[in-house]
Amino acid sequence: MTSERTSSDPGAPPGNGLAIEGPSYSPGFWLWHATLRWQREIAAVLTPFELTHVQFVLLSCAWWLNDHGLVPNQLELARQAGTDVKMTSEVVRKLEAKGLLERETDPRDTRARRLRITPRGAELALRAIEQVERADAAFFRPVTSSGTSTESVVTLLRVLAKPPQ
């Protein structure tokens, strides 16, 4: 059901006269619900690995960077993962305590710590990545089975994730 009320009506908040059609017509509302469902499914997949979602993201990004010959510092890892630098530092310490990552002093900047995934961390990252990729494929199957390619879904999500310039 749509509302005749617009945001330019008296008593309504300003908004250039956009129609307020309700949550059923809001892409952001449905993105919120899809994100919540996806996060629950990924959290369930990660439970056997004793990893939170953010621990998984940082561990898998560190693995990927190391696997490609890079030894990132915490800032570079945070940028790769799209996470807050302070939170990244806290989570990296937890991953280090679990024996999954090692932090070493950067010889060029003694304030910075370079991150190397341990053999145990690499093995865990690879097993977790495999399960997360399976969960992603299942989650997006309703879209990809309707004829939309995975590449198109990724392109759309990249566009949405990119901050405005």
N, C-alpha and C. Protein backbone atom coordinates (compact mmCIF):
# COMPACT_ATOMS: atom_id res chain seq x y z
N MET A 1 0.85 -1.18 0.00
CA MET A 1 0.00 0.00 0.00
C MET A 1 0.89 1.24 0.00
N THR A 2 0.62 2.15 -0.93
CA THR A 2 1.42 3.37 -0.99
C THR A 2 0.70 4.48 -0.25
N SER A 3 1.48 5.43 0.21
CA SER A 3 0.94 6.57 0.92
C SER A 3 0.92 7.76 -0.02
N GLU A 4 -0.12 8.55 0.08
CA GLU A 4 -0.19 9.77 -0.72
C GLU A 4 0.69 10.86 -0.13
N ARG A 5 1.08 10.69 1.11
CA ARG A 5 1.89 11.69 1.79
C ARG A 5 3.28 11.75 1.17
N THR A 6 3.78 12.93 0.96
CA THR A 6 5.15 13.10 0.49
C THR A 6 5.90 13.86 1.56
N SER A 7 7.19 13.82 1.46
CA SER A 7 8.00 14.48 2.47
C SER A 7 7.93 16.00 2.36
N SER A 8 7.25 16.54 1.33
CA SER A 8 7.10 17.99 1.25
C SER A 8 5.75 18.44 1.82
N ASP A 9 4.92 17.49 2.28
CA ASP A 9 3.65 17.85 2.92
C ASP A 9 3.92 18.61 4.21
N PRO A 10 2.98 19.48 4.62
CA PRO A 10 3.17 20.16 5.90
C PRO A 10 3.28 19.13 7.02
N GLY A 11 4.21 19.36 7.91
CA GLY A 11 4.41 18.46 9.03
C GLY A 11 5.34 17.30 8.73
N ALA A 12 5.68 17.12 7.46
CA ALA A 12 6.59 16.03 7.09
C ALA A 12 8.01 16.59 7.05
N PRO A 13 8.99 15.75 7.30
CA PRO A 13 10.37 16.24 7.21
C PRO A 13 10.71 16.63 5.78
N PRO A 14 11.61 17.59 5.60
CA PRO A 14 11.98 18.00 4.25
C PRO A 14 12.63 16.85 3.49
N GLY A 15 12.48 16.84 2.17
CA GLY A 15 13.09 15.77 1.39
C GLY A 15 12.83 15.90 -0.09
N ASN A 16 12.69 17.09 -0.60
CA ASN A 16 12.53 17.32 -2.04
C ASN A 16 11.29 16.67 -2.63
N GLY A 17 10.26 16.50 -1.83
CA GLY A 17 9.00 15.98 -2.36
C GLY A 17 9.01 14.52 -2.73
N LEU A 18 9.92 13.73 -2.20
CA LEU A 18 9.96 12.30 -2.49
C LEU A 18 8.77 11.60 -1.86
N ALA A 19 8.16 10.70 -2.60
CA ALA A 19 7.03 9.95 -2.07
C ALA A 19 7.52 9.00 -0.98
N ILE A 20 6.75 8.90 0.08
CA ILE A 20 7.06 7.96 1.16
C ILE A 20 6.14 6.78 0.96
N GLU A 21 6.69 5.74 0.36
CA GLU A 21 5.87 4.60 -0.04
C GLU A 21 5.87 3.49 0.99
N GLY A 22 6.69 3.59 1.99
CA GLY A 22 6.74 2.56 3.02
C GLY A 22 7.87 1.59 2.80
N PRO A 23 8.16 0.79 3.83
CA PRO A 23 9.32 -0.10 3.78
C PRO A 23 9.25 -1.13 2.65
N SER A 24 8.08 -1.56 2.27
CA SER A 24 7.97 -2.58 1.22
C SER A 24 8.51 -2.10 -0.11
N TYR A 25 8.65 -0.79 -0.29
CA TYR A 25 9.13 -0.22 -1.55
C TYR A 25 10.53 0.36 -1.42
N SER A 26 11.18 0.14 -0.29
CA SER A 26 12.49 0.73 -0.03
C SER A 26 13.61 -0.28 -0.29
N PRO A 27 14.47 -0.02 -1.28
CA PRO A 27 15.60 -0.93 -1.52
C PRO A 27 16.50 -1.05 -0.28
N GLY A 28 16.68 0.06 0.43
CA GLY A 28 17.51 0.03 1.63
C GLY A 28 16.95 -0.87 2.71
N PHE A 29 15.63 -0.86 2.85
CA PHE A 29 14.98 -1.73 3.83
C PHE A 29 15.24 -3.20 3.50
N TRP A 30 15.13 -3.57 2.22
CA TRP A 30 15.35 -4.96 1.81
C TRP A 30 16.83 -5.32 1.85
N LEU A 31 17.70 -4.36 1.56
CA LEU A 31 19.13 -4.61 1.69
C LEU A 31 19.48 -4.90 3.15
N TRP A 32 18.87 -4.16 4.06
CA TRP A 32 19.05 -4.38 5.49
C TRP A 32 18.65 -5.82 5.86
N HIS A 33 17.48 -6.24 5.43
CA HIS A 33 17.01 -7.60 5.74
C HIS A 33 17.90 -8.67 5.10
N ALA A 34 18.31 -8.45 3.86
CA ALA A 34 19.19 -9.41 3.18
C ALA A 34 20.53 -9.50 3.90
N THR A 35 21.06 -8.36 4.30
CA THR A 35 22.34 -8.33 5.02
C THR A 35 22.24 -9.08 6.33
N LEU A 36 21.17 -8.86 7.07
CA LEU A 36 21.00 -9.57 8.35
C LEU A 36 20.93 -11.08 8.13
N ARG A 37 20.17 -11.51 7.13
CA ARG A 37 20.07 -12.94 6.85
C ARG A 37 21.42 -13.52 6.45
N TRP A 38 22.14 -12.81 5.58
CA TRP A 38 23.45 -13.26 5.13
C TRP A 38 24.41 -13.34 6.32
N GLN A 39 24.41 -12.33 7.19
CA GLN A 39 25.31 -12.34 8.35
C GLN A 39 25.02 -13.52 9.27
N ARG A 40 23.73 -13.83 9.49
CA ARG A 40 23.37 -14.99 10.33
C ARG A 40 23.89 -16.28 9.71
N GLU A 41 23.74 -16.41 8.40
CA GLU A 41 24.19 -17.64 7.73
C GLU A 41 25.71 -17.78 7.76
N ILE A 42 26.43 -16.70 7.57
CA ILE A 42 27.89 -16.75 7.62
C ILE A 42 28.35 -17.03 9.06
N ALA A 43 27.72 -16.41 10.04
CA ALA A 43 28.09 -16.67 11.44
C ALA A 43 27.92 -18.14 11.78
N ALA A 44 26.85 -18.75 11.29
CA ALA A 44 26.62 -20.18 11.55
C ALA A 44 27.69 -21.03 10.91
N VAL A 45 28.12 -20.69 9.70
CA VAL A 45 29.17 -21.43 9.01
C VAL A 45 30.51 -21.30 9.75
N LEU A 46 30.76 -20.15 10.35
CA LEU A 46 32.04 -19.90 11.01
C LEU A 46 32.12 -20.46 12.43
N THR A 47 30.99 -20.79 13.03
CA THR A 47 30.97 -21.29 14.41
C THR A 47 31.90 -22.49 14.61
N PRO A 48 31.88 -23.50 13.74
CA PRO A 48 32.79 -24.64 13.97
C PRO A 48 34.28 -24.26 13.92
N PHE A 49 34.60 -23.15 13.28
CA PHE A 49 35.98 -22.70 13.18
C PHE A 49 36.38 -21.81 14.36
N GLU A 50 35.41 -21.51 15.23
CA GLU A 50 35.61 -20.62 16.38
C GLU A 50 36.14 -19.26 15.95
N LEU A 51 35.54 -18.75 14.86
CA LEU A 51 35.87 -17.43 14.34
C LEU A 51 34.62 -16.58 14.28
N THR A 52 34.74 -15.32 14.66
CA THR A 52 33.67 -14.37 14.39
C THR A 52 33.77 -13.97 12.93
N HIS A 53 32.75 -13.28 12.45
CA HIS A 53 32.78 -12.85 11.04
C HIS A 53 33.96 -11.91 10.79
N VAL A 54 34.18 -10.94 11.67
CA VAL A 54 35.27 -9.99 11.45
C VAL A 54 36.62 -10.69 11.58
N GLN A 55 36.76 -11.66 12.48
CA GLN A 55 38.01 -12.42 12.56
C GLN A 55 38.26 -13.16 11.25
N PHE A 56 37.20 -13.76 10.71
CA PHE A 56 37.33 -14.46 9.42
C PHE A 56 37.78 -13.50 8.33
N VAL A 57 37.14 -12.35 8.23
CA VAL A 57 37.47 -11.39 7.17
C VAL A 57 38.93 -10.97 7.27
N LEU A 58 39.38 -10.64 8.48
CA LEU A 58 40.76 -10.19 8.64
C LEU A 58 41.75 -11.33 8.41
N LEU A 59 41.43 -12.52 8.89
CA LEU A 59 42.31 -13.67 8.68
C LEU A 59 42.40 -14.02 7.19
N SER A 60 41.26 -14.05 6.51
CA SER A 60 41.27 -14.41 5.10
C SER A 60 41.95 -13.33 4.25
N CYS A 61 41.77 -12.07 4.60
CA CYS A 61 42.46 -11.00 3.87
C CYS A 61 43.97 -11.08 4.10
N ALA A 62 44.38 -11.35 5.34
CA ALA A 62 45.81 -11.50 5.62
C ALA A 62 46.38 -12.69 4.86
N TRP A 63 45.63 -13.79 4.83
CA TRP A 63 46.09 -14.96 4.07
C TRP A 63 46.26 -14.60 2.60
N TRP A 64 45.25 -13.94 2.02
CA TRP A 64 45.29 -13.60 0.60
C TRP A 64 46.48 -12.69 0.30
N LEU A 65 46.67 -11.67 1.11
CA LEU A 65 47.79 -10.75 0.89
C LEU A 65 49.12 -11.48 1.00
N ASN A 66 49.28 -12.30 2.06
CA ASN A 66 50.52 -13.08 2.22
C ASN A 66 50.72 -14.02 1.05
N ASP A 67 49.66 -14.67 0.61
CA ASP A 67 49.73 -15.62 -0.49
C ASP A 67 50.17 -14.94 -1.80
N HIS A 68 49.92 -13.64 -1.88
CA HIS A 68 50.31 -12.87 -3.07
C HIS A 68 51.61 -12.09 -2.85
N GLY A 69 52.39 -12.54 -1.86
CA GLY A 69 53.72 -11.97 -1.65
C GLY A 69 53.76 -10.68 -0.85
N LEU A 70 52.64 -10.29 -0.23
CA LEU A 70 52.59 -9.06 0.54
C LEU A 70 52.54 -9.38 2.03
N VAL A 71 53.21 -8.57 2.82
CA VAL A 71 53.18 -8.70 4.28
C VAL A 71 52.64 -7.37 4.81
N PRO A 72 51.31 -7.27 4.96
CA PRO A 72 50.71 -5.97 5.27
C PRO A 72 50.94 -5.55 6.72
N ASN A 73 50.89 -4.25 6.92
CA ASN A 73 50.79 -3.78 8.30
C ASN A 73 49.30 -3.71 8.63
N GLN A 74 48.98 -3.34 9.85
CA GLN A 74 47.57 -3.35 10.28
C GLN A 74 46.72 -2.36 9.49
N LEU A 75 47.29 -1.21 9.13
CA LEU A 75 46.54 -0.23 8.34
C LEU A 75 46.22 -0.79 6.95
N GLU A 76 47.19 -1.44 6.32
CA GLU A 76 46.96 -2.02 5.00
C GLU A 76 45.93 -3.15 5.07
N LEU A 77 45.98 -3.94 6.13
CA LEU A 77 44.98 -5.00 6.31
C LEU A 77 43.60 -4.40 6.49
N ALA A 78 43.50 -3.35 7.30
CA ALA A 78 42.21 -2.70 7.52
C ALA A 78 41.64 -2.14 6.22
N ARG A 79 42.49 -1.55 5.41
CA ARG A 79 42.03 -1.03 4.11
C ARG A 79 41.54 -2.15 3.20
N GLN A 80 42.29 -3.25 3.15
CA GLN A 80 41.89 -4.39 2.32
C GLN A 80 40.53 -4.93 2.78
N ALA A 81 40.35 -5.03 4.10
CA ALA A 81 39.15 -5.63 4.66
C ALA A 81 37.98 -4.64 4.76
N GLY A 82 38.27 -3.34 4.68
CA GLY A 82 37.22 -2.33 4.84
C GLY A 82 36.79 -2.18 6.29
N THR A 83 37.74 -2.39 7.21
CA THR A 83 37.42 -2.32 8.63
C THR A 83 38.09 -1.12 9.29
N ASP A 84 37.58 -0.77 10.46
CA ASP A 84 38.13 0.31 11.27
C ASP A 84 39.52 -0.08 11.75
N VAL A 85 40.47 0.84 11.72
CA VAL A 85 41.85 0.55 12.06
C VAL A 85 41.99 0.12 13.53
N LYS A 86 41.33 0.81 14.43
CA LYS A 86 41.44 0.46 15.86
C LYS A 86 40.85 -0.93 16.12
N MET A 87 39.69 -1.19 15.55
CA MET A 87 39.07 -2.50 15.71
C MET A 87 39.95 -3.58 15.09
N THR A 88 40.55 -3.28 13.94
CA THR A 88 41.44 -4.23 13.29
C THR A 88 42.59 -4.60 14.22
N SER A 89 43.16 -3.61 14.87
CA SER A 89 44.27 -3.86 15.80
C SER A 89 43.83 -4.79 16.93
N GLU A 90 42.65 -4.57 17.48
CA GLU A 90 42.14 -5.41 18.56
C GLU A 90 41.90 -6.84 18.09
N VAL A 91 41.31 -6.99 16.91
CA VAL A 91 41.01 -8.33 16.38
C VAL A 91 42.30 -9.04 15.99
N VAL A 92 43.26 -8.33 15.44
CA VAL A 92 44.54 -8.93 15.09
C VAL A 92 45.21 -9.49 16.34
N ARG A 93 45.12 -8.78 17.45
CA ARG A 93 45.69 -9.28 18.71
C ARG A 93 45.01 -10.60 19.12
N LYS A 94 43.71 -10.68 18.92
CA LYS A 94 42.99 -11.93 19.25
C LYS A 94 43.43 -13.06 18.33
N LEU A 95 43.58 -12.75 17.04
CA LEU A 95 44.05 -13.78 16.10
C LEU A 95 45.46 -14.22 16.43
N GLU A 96 46.28 -13.28 16.89
CA GLU A 96 47.64 -13.62 17.30
C GLU A 96 47.60 -14.52 18.54
N ALA A 97 46.73 -14.21 19.50
CA ALA A 97 46.61 -15.02 20.72
C ALA A 97 46.15 -16.44 20.39
N LYS A 98 45.38 -16.59 19.32
CA LYS A 98 44.92 -17.91 18.88
C LYS A 98 45.98 -18.66 18.08
N GLY A 99 47.11 -18.00 17.82
CA GLY A 99 48.17 -18.63 17.05
C GLY A 99 47.92 -18.65 15.55
N LEU A 100 47.07 -17.75 15.06
CA LEU A 100 46.71 -17.74 13.64
C LEU A 100 47.49 -16.69 12.84
N LEU A 101 47.95 -15.66 13.52
CA LEU A 101 48.74 -14.59 12.90
C LEU A 101 49.94 -14.29 13.78
N GLU A 102 50.99 -13.77 13.14
CA GLU A 102 52.15 -13.26 13.88
C GLU A 102 52.32 -11.80 13.50
N ARG A 103 52.61 -10.99 14.51
CA ARG A 103 52.91 -9.58 14.28
C ARG A 103 54.39 -9.38 14.49
N GLU A 104 55.04 -8.78 13.50
CA GLU A 104 56.47 -8.52 13.62
C GLU A 104 56.72 -7.04 13.37
N THR A 105 57.71 -6.50 14.03
CA THR A 105 58.04 -5.09 13.87
C THR A 105 58.54 -4.83 12.45
N ASP A 106 58.01 -3.78 11.86
CA ASP A 106 58.44 -3.37 10.53
C ASP A 106 59.82 -2.73 10.65
N PRO A 107 60.82 -3.26 9.96
CA PRO A 107 62.17 -2.70 10.09
C PRO A 107 62.28 -1.23 9.64
N ARG A 108 61.38 -0.79 8.76
CA ARG A 108 61.42 0.60 8.28
C ARG A 108 60.65 1.56 9.18
N ASP A 109 59.73 1.02 10.01
CA ASP A 109 58.93 1.85 10.91
C ASP A 109 58.63 1.02 12.15
N THR A 110 59.37 1.26 13.21
CA THR A 110 59.24 0.41 14.41
C THR A 110 57.88 0.55 15.10
N ARG A 111 57.10 1.55 14.73
CA ARG A 111 55.74 1.66 15.30
C ARG A 111 54.76 0.73 14.60
N ALA A 112 55.07 0.34 13.38
CA ALA A 112 54.16 -0.50 12.58
C ALA A 112 54.46 -1.98 12.82
N ARG A 113 53.42 -2.79 12.69
CA ARG A 113 53.55 -4.23 12.82
C ARG A 113 53.15 -4.89 11.49
N ARG A 114 54.03 -5.72 10.95
CA ARG A 114 53.75 -6.48 9.74
C ARG A 114 53.07 -7.78 10.16
N LEU A 115 52.15 -8.24 9.35
CA LEU A 115 51.33 -9.40 9.71
C LEU A 115 51.62 -10.58 8.81
N ARG A 116 51.96 -11.69 9.44
CA ARG A 116 52.17 -12.95 8.72
C ARG A 116 51.23 -13.99 9.29
N ILE A 117 50.56 -14.66 8.40
CA ILE A 117 49.67 -15.74 8.82
C ILE A 117 50.53 -16.96 9.16
N THR A 118 50.18 -17.67 10.22
CA THR A 118 50.93 -18.87 10.61
C THR A 118 50.45 -20.05 9.75
N PRO A 119 51.21 -21.12 9.72
CA PRO A 119 50.72 -22.30 8.99
C PRO A 119 49.35 -22.76 9.49
N ARG A 120 49.14 -22.75 10.79
CA ARG A 120 47.83 -23.11 11.35
C ARG A 120 46.76 -22.12 10.88
N GLY A 121 47.10 -20.82 10.86
CA GLY A 121 46.16 -19.81 10.39
C GLY A 121 45.82 -19.97 8.92
N ALA A 122 46.82 -20.32 8.10
CA ALA A 122 46.58 -20.52 6.67
C ALA A 122 45.66 -21.71 6.44
N GLU A 123 45.89 -22.79 7.17
CA GLU A 123 45.06 -23.99 7.02
C GLU A 123 43.62 -23.68 7.44
N LEU A 124 43.47 -22.98 8.55
CA LEU A 124 42.12 -22.63 9.02
C LEU A 124 41.45 -21.66 8.05
N ALA A 125 42.20 -20.67 7.57
CA ALA A 125 41.64 -19.69 6.63
C ALA A 125 41.12 -20.39 5.38
N LEU A 126 41.90 -21.30 4.83
CA LEU A 126 41.49 -21.99 3.60
C LEU A 126 40.22 -22.83 3.82
N ARG A 127 40.15 -23.55 4.95
CA ARG A 127 38.94 -24.34 5.22
C ARG A 127 37.73 -23.44 5.43
N ALA A 128 37.92 -22.33 6.15
CA ALA A 128 36.81 -21.40 6.40
C ALA A 128 36.37 -20.71 5.11
N ILE A 129 37.33 -20.29 4.28
CA ILE A 129 37.00 -19.64 3.01
C ILE A 129 36.14 -20.58 2.16
N GLU A 130 36.52 -21.84 2.11
CA GLU A 130 35.76 -22.81 1.32
C GLU A 130 34.30 -22.88 1.79
N GLN A 131 34.10 -22.92 3.08
CA GLN A 131 32.74 -23.02 3.61
C GLN A 131 31.96 -21.71 3.41
N VAL A 132 32.63 -20.58 3.57
CA VAL A 132 31.97 -19.28 3.35
C VAL A 132 31.60 -19.13 1.89
N GLU A 133 32.47 -19.55 0.98
CA GLU A 133 32.15 -19.48 -0.45
C GLU A 133 30.94 -20.35 -0.78
N ARG A 134 30.84 -21.51 -0.16
CA ARG A 134 29.66 -22.37 -0.37
C ARG A 134 28.40 -21.69 0.16
N ALA A 135 28.51 -21.08 1.33
CA ALA A 135 27.36 -20.37 1.90
C ALA A 135 26.96 -19.19 1.02
N ASP A 136 27.94 -18.47 0.49
CA ASP A 136 27.65 -17.36 -0.42
C ASP A 136 26.92 -17.85 -1.67
N ALA A 137 27.42 -18.93 -2.25
CA ALA A 137 26.80 -19.48 -3.46
C ALA A 137 25.35 -19.86 -3.18
N ALA A 138 25.10 -20.48 -2.04
CA ALA A 138 23.72 -20.85 -1.68
C ALA A 138 22.86 -19.61 -1.43
N PHE A 139 23.43 -18.62 -0.76
CA PHE A 139 22.68 -17.40 -0.45
C PHE A 139 22.27 -16.67 -1.74
N PHE A 140 23.19 -16.57 -2.69
CA PHE A 140 22.92 -15.82 -3.92
C PHE A 140 22.27 -16.67 -5.01
N ARG A 141 22.07 -17.96 -4.75
CA ARG A 141 21.48 -18.85 -5.77
C ARG A 141 20.13 -18.34 -6.30
N PRO A 142 19.24 -17.79 -5.48
CA PRO A 142 17.98 -17.29 -6.06
C PRO A 142 18.20 -16.23 -7.14
N VAL A 143 19.27 -15.46 -7.02
CA VAL A 143 19.57 -14.43 -8.03
C VAL A 143 20.28 -15.06 -9.22
N THR A 144 21.30 -15.86 -8.95
CA THR A 144 22.10 -16.42 -10.05
C THR A 144 21.33 -17.49 -10.83
N SER A 145 20.42 -18.20 -10.17
CA SER A 145 19.65 -19.22 -10.89
C SER A 145 18.58 -18.60 -11.79
N SER A 146 18.31 -17.31 -11.59
CA SER A 146 17.34 -16.63 -12.45
C SER A 146 18.00 -16.06 -13.70
N GLY A 147 19.30 -16.32 -13.86
CA GLY A 147 19.98 -15.88 -15.08
C GLY A 147 20.98 -14.76 -14.86
N THR A 148 21.02 -14.17 -13.69
CA THR A 148 22.00 -13.12 -13.41
C THR A 148 23.33 -13.79 -13.08
N SER A 149 24.39 -13.38 -13.74
CA SER A 149 25.69 -13.99 -13.51
C SER A 149 26.26 -13.56 -12.16
N THR A 150 27.12 -14.39 -11.63
CA THR A 150 27.81 -14.04 -10.39
C THR A 150 28.61 -12.75 -10.59
N GLU A 151 29.21 -12.60 -11.76
CA GLU A 151 29.99 -11.39 -12.06
C GLU A 151 29.11 -10.14 -12.00
N SER A 152 27.86 -10.25 -12.48
CA SER A 152 26.94 -9.11 -12.42
C SER A 152 26.56 -8.77 -10.99
N VAL A 153 26.36 -9.80 -10.18
CA VAL A 153 26.03 -9.57 -8.76
C VAL A 153 27.21 -8.88 -8.08
N VAL A 154 28.42 -9.36 -8.34
CA VAL A 154 29.61 -8.76 -7.75
C VAL A 154 29.76 -7.31 -8.20
N THR A 155 29.53 -7.04 -9.46
CA THR A 155 29.62 -5.67 -9.98
C THR A 155 28.63 -4.76 -9.27
N LEU A 156 27.39 -5.21 -9.14
CA LEU A 156 26.37 -4.41 -8.44
C LEU A 156 26.81 -4.12 -7.01
N LEU A 157 27.27 -5.14 -6.30
CA LEU A 157 27.66 -4.97 -4.91
C LEU A 157 28.88 -4.06 -4.79
N ARG A 158 29.81 -4.16 -5.72
CA ARG A 158 30.97 -3.25 -5.71
C ARG A 158 30.53 -1.80 -5.87
N VAL A 159 29.59 -1.57 -6.78
CA VAL A 159 29.08 -0.21 -7.00
C VAL A 159 28.43 0.30 -5.71
N LEU A 160 27.63 -0.54 -5.06
CA LEU A 160 26.94 -0.13 -3.83
C LEU A 160 27.92 0.08 -2.67
N ALA A 161 28.99 -0.68 -2.64
CA ALA A 161 29.96 -0.60 -1.54
C ALA A 161 30.90 0.60 -1.68
N LYS A 162 31.05 1.09 -2.89
CA LYS A 162 31.98 2.19 -3.13
C LYS A 162 31.43 3.50 -2.55
N PRO A 163 32.21 4.18 -1.73
CA PRO A 163 31.72 5.45 -1.17
C PRO A 163 31.58 6.52 -2.25
N PRO A 164 30.65 7.45 -2.05
CA PRO A 164 30.49 8.54 -3.03
C PRO A 164 31.75 9.39 -3.07
N GLN A 165 32.02 9.93 -4.26
CA GLN A 165 33.24 10.75 -4.41
C GLN A 165 32.94 12.21 -4.33
